[in-house]
Protein backbone atom coordinates (compact mmCIF):
# COMPACT_ATOMS: atom_id res chain seq x y z
CA MET A 1 15.77 22.84 16.09
CA THR A 2 15.15 21.76 12.65
CA SER A 3 13.35 18.64 11.59
CA GLY A 4 15.48 15.70 11.51
CA SER A 5 18.29 17.30 13.48
CA ILE A 6 18.74 14.56 16.11
CA GLY A 7 19.52 11.66 13.90
CA THR A 8 16.15 11.29 12.57
CA ALA A 9 15.11 11.65 8.83
CA PRO A 10 12.73 14.64 7.87
CA TYR A 11 9.18 13.52 7.46
CA LYS A 12 8.64 13.00 3.65
CA THR A 13 5.49 13.86 1.79
CA SER A 14 5.13 10.44 0.61
CA ASP A 15 5.41 9.06 4.15
CA ARG A 16 2.69 11.31 5.43
CA VAL A 17 0.42 10.20 2.43
CA LEU A 18 1.05 6.47 3.09
CA ASP A 19 0.76 7.00 6.84
CA LEU A 20 -2.48 8.64 6.32
CA LEU A 21 -4.02 6.34 4.14
CA LEU A 22 -2.93 3.27 5.92
CA SER A 23 -4.12 4.67 9.30
CA LEU A 24 -7.43 5.17 7.77
CA VAL A 25 -7.68 1.84 6.58
CA HIS A 26 -6.60 0.45 9.86
CA GLY A 27 -9.20 2.49 11.71
CA GLY A 28 -11.83 1.57 8.93
CA ASP A 29 -12.21 5.20 8.18
CA LEU A 30 -11.04 5.18 4.33
CA ASP A 31 -14.57 6.33 3.41
CA LEU A 32 -13.55 9.99 4.78
CA LEU A 33 -11.63 10.28 1.54
CA ASP A 34 -15.08 10.14 -0.37
CA ASN A 35 -16.07 13.34 1.58
CA PRO A 36 -15.29 16.26 -0.55
CA GLU A 37 -15.13 18.35 2.47
CA TYR A 38 -12.60 16.24 4.24
CA LEU A 39 -10.42 15.42 1.04
CA PRO A 40 -8.78 18.90 0.84
CA LYS A 41 -8.14 19.10 4.56
CA LEU A 42 -6.38 15.65 4.67
CA LEU A 43 -4.62 15.83 1.24
CA PRO A 44 -4.39 19.27 0.23
CA THR A 45 -2.61 19.01 -3.23
CA PRO A 46 -4.00 17.36 -6.23
CA GLU A 47 -0.57 15.24 -6.52
CA GLN A 48 -1.41 14.07 -3.17
CA GLN A 49 -4.81 13.02 -3.94
CA LYS A 50 -3.90 11.21 -7.14
CA ALA A 51 -1.14 9.38 -5.10
CA ALA A 52 -3.92 8.44 -2.46
CA ALA A 53 -6.35 7.31 -5.33
CA LYS A 54 -3.61 4.86 -6.48
CA ILE A 55 -3.04 3.58 -2.99
CA ARG A 56 -6.51 3.16 -2.47
CA LEU A 57 -6.91 1.25 -5.78
CA LEU A 58 -4.15 -1.17 -4.67
CA LEU A 59 -5.90 -1.58 -1.15
CA ASP A 60 -9.37 -2.21 -2.69
CA ALA A 61 -8.00 -4.79 -5.37
CA TYR A 62 -5.75 -6.70 -2.83
CA VAL A 63 -6.63 -10.31 -2.53
CA TYR A 64 -3.85 -12.44 -1.19
CA GLU A 65 -5.00 -15.47 -3.10
CA GLN A 66 -4.24 -13.66 -6.49
CA SER A 67 -0.68 -12.64 -5.49
CA LEU A 68 2.37 -13.65 -6.95
CA GLU A 69 3.42 -15.10 -3.77
CA PHE A 70 0.60 -17.40 -3.48
CA SER A 71 0.55 -18.32 -7.10
CA GLU A 72 4.15 -19.43 -6.75
CA ALA A 73 3.39 -21.42 -3.51
CA ALA A 74 0.69 -23.21 -5.42
CA SER A 75 2.46 -23.63 -8.80
CA GLY A 76 2.92 -27.23 -9.79
CA LYS A 77 1.21 -28.59 -6.68
CA SER A 78 -1.75 -31.03 -6.51
CA ALA A 79 -5.25 -29.98 -6.62
CA ALA A 80 -5.54 -31.12 -2.94
CA TYR A 81 -2.57 -29.10 -1.86
CA ARG A 82 -3.87 -26.10 -3.69
CA ALA A 83 -7.21 -26.44 -1.98
CA TYR A 84 -5.33 -26.72 1.31
CA LEU A 85 -3.62 -23.52 0.53
CA LEU A 86 -6.84 -21.74 -0.42
CA LYS A 87 -8.37 -23.01 2.90
CA GLN A 88 -5.37 -21.71 4.99
CA ALA A 89 -5.43 -18.27 3.23
CA ALA A 90 -9.40 -17.90 3.99
CA GLN A 91 -8.63 -18.41 7.89
CA PRO A 92 -9.52 -15.09 9.46
CA LEU A 93 -6.34 -14.65 11.35
CA ARG A 94 -4.22 -15.65 8.25
CA ARG A 95 -6.29 -13.07 6.25
CA GLN A 96 -5.42 -10.33 8.87
CA GLU A 97 -1.67 -11.26 8.82
CA ASN A 98 -1.72 -11.28 5.02
CA PHE A 99 -3.27 -7.94 4.87
CA ARG A 100 -0.93 -6.48 7.49
CA ARG A 101 2.02 -7.73 5.49
CA PHE A 102 0.58 -5.91 2.49
CA ARG A 103 0.09 -2.76 4.33
CA ASP A 104 3.65 -2.93 5.66
CA ALA A 105 4.82 -3.42 1.98
CA LEU A 106 2.89 -0.42 0.77
CA ARG A 107 4.44 1.52 3.71
CA ASP A 108 7.88 0.46 2.44
CA ILE A 109 7.13 0.89 -1.25
CA LEU A 110 10.06 3.21 -2.10
CA GLU A 111 12.52 1.35 -0.08
CA SER A 112 11.32 -2.33 -1.00
CA ASP A 113 10.08 -4.63 -3.53
CA ARG A 114 7.89 -6.61 -1.40
CA VAL A 115 4.81 -5.52 -2.42
CA PHE A 116 5.29 -7.01 -5.87
CA GLN A 117 5.04 -10.38 -4.42
CA LEU A 118 1.86 -9.56 -2.56
CA LEU A 119 -0.04 -8.47 -5.59
CA PRO A 120 -0.84 -10.17 -8.91
CA MET A 121 1.56 -9.43 -12.00
CA GLU A 122 -1.22 -7.32 -13.42
CA ALA A 123 -0.81 -4.82 -10.60
CA ASN A 124 2.92 -4.00 -11.34
CA ARG A 125 2.17 -1.07 -13.39
CA HIS A 126 0.09 0.53 -10.57
CA VAL A 127 2.92 -0.16 -8.25
CA VAL A 128 5.47 1.54 -10.51
CA GLU A 129 3.01 4.48 -11.21
CA LEU A 130 2.60 5.02 -7.38
CA ARG A 131 6.28 4.84 -6.74
CA GLN A 132 6.85 7.64 -9.54
CA GLN A 133 3.89 9.71 -7.86
CA LEU A 134 5.39 9.37 -4.43
CA SER A 135 8.94 10.17 -5.57
CA MET A 136 7.55 13.25 -7.44
CA LEU A 137 5.94 14.31 -4.17
CA ASN A 138 9.02 14.17 -2.05
CA LEU A 139 11.08 15.96 -4.78
CA GLU A 140 8.43 18.89 -4.90
CA SER A 141 8.36 18.96 -1.11
CA ALA A 142 12.23 19.16 -0.96
CA ASN A 143 12.26 22.13 -3.58
CA ARG A 144 9.84 24.11 -1.30
């Protein structure tokens, strides 16, 4: 049987890179990518490593309170309400939930625009570049 023969889609290279990075984040092991001994074993091609670096940049820079979603929720509101929103966003469970939503949005980056809402507008170019890198990974693996 070939991959994807029973109603499942083949495992794309972009999915592999995203799943690896997000699993490392979830397990608290993202620093493994800093080890030159492990990096080529985990991500063997320079293209995969570049996509991983962009994902890591977005993960490291993520702050929900700077997101478009948060900005829109606070826009035009009183200072007291904005302070309330900030206090709510700082709650540990809320932080975990928002970061989980961000990881899920990154996982779906090629199929969904949700990630744009969870980042500041300044990060849009990084998201677009990452989408291009992941799409190229898929094209390259399909041509092999």
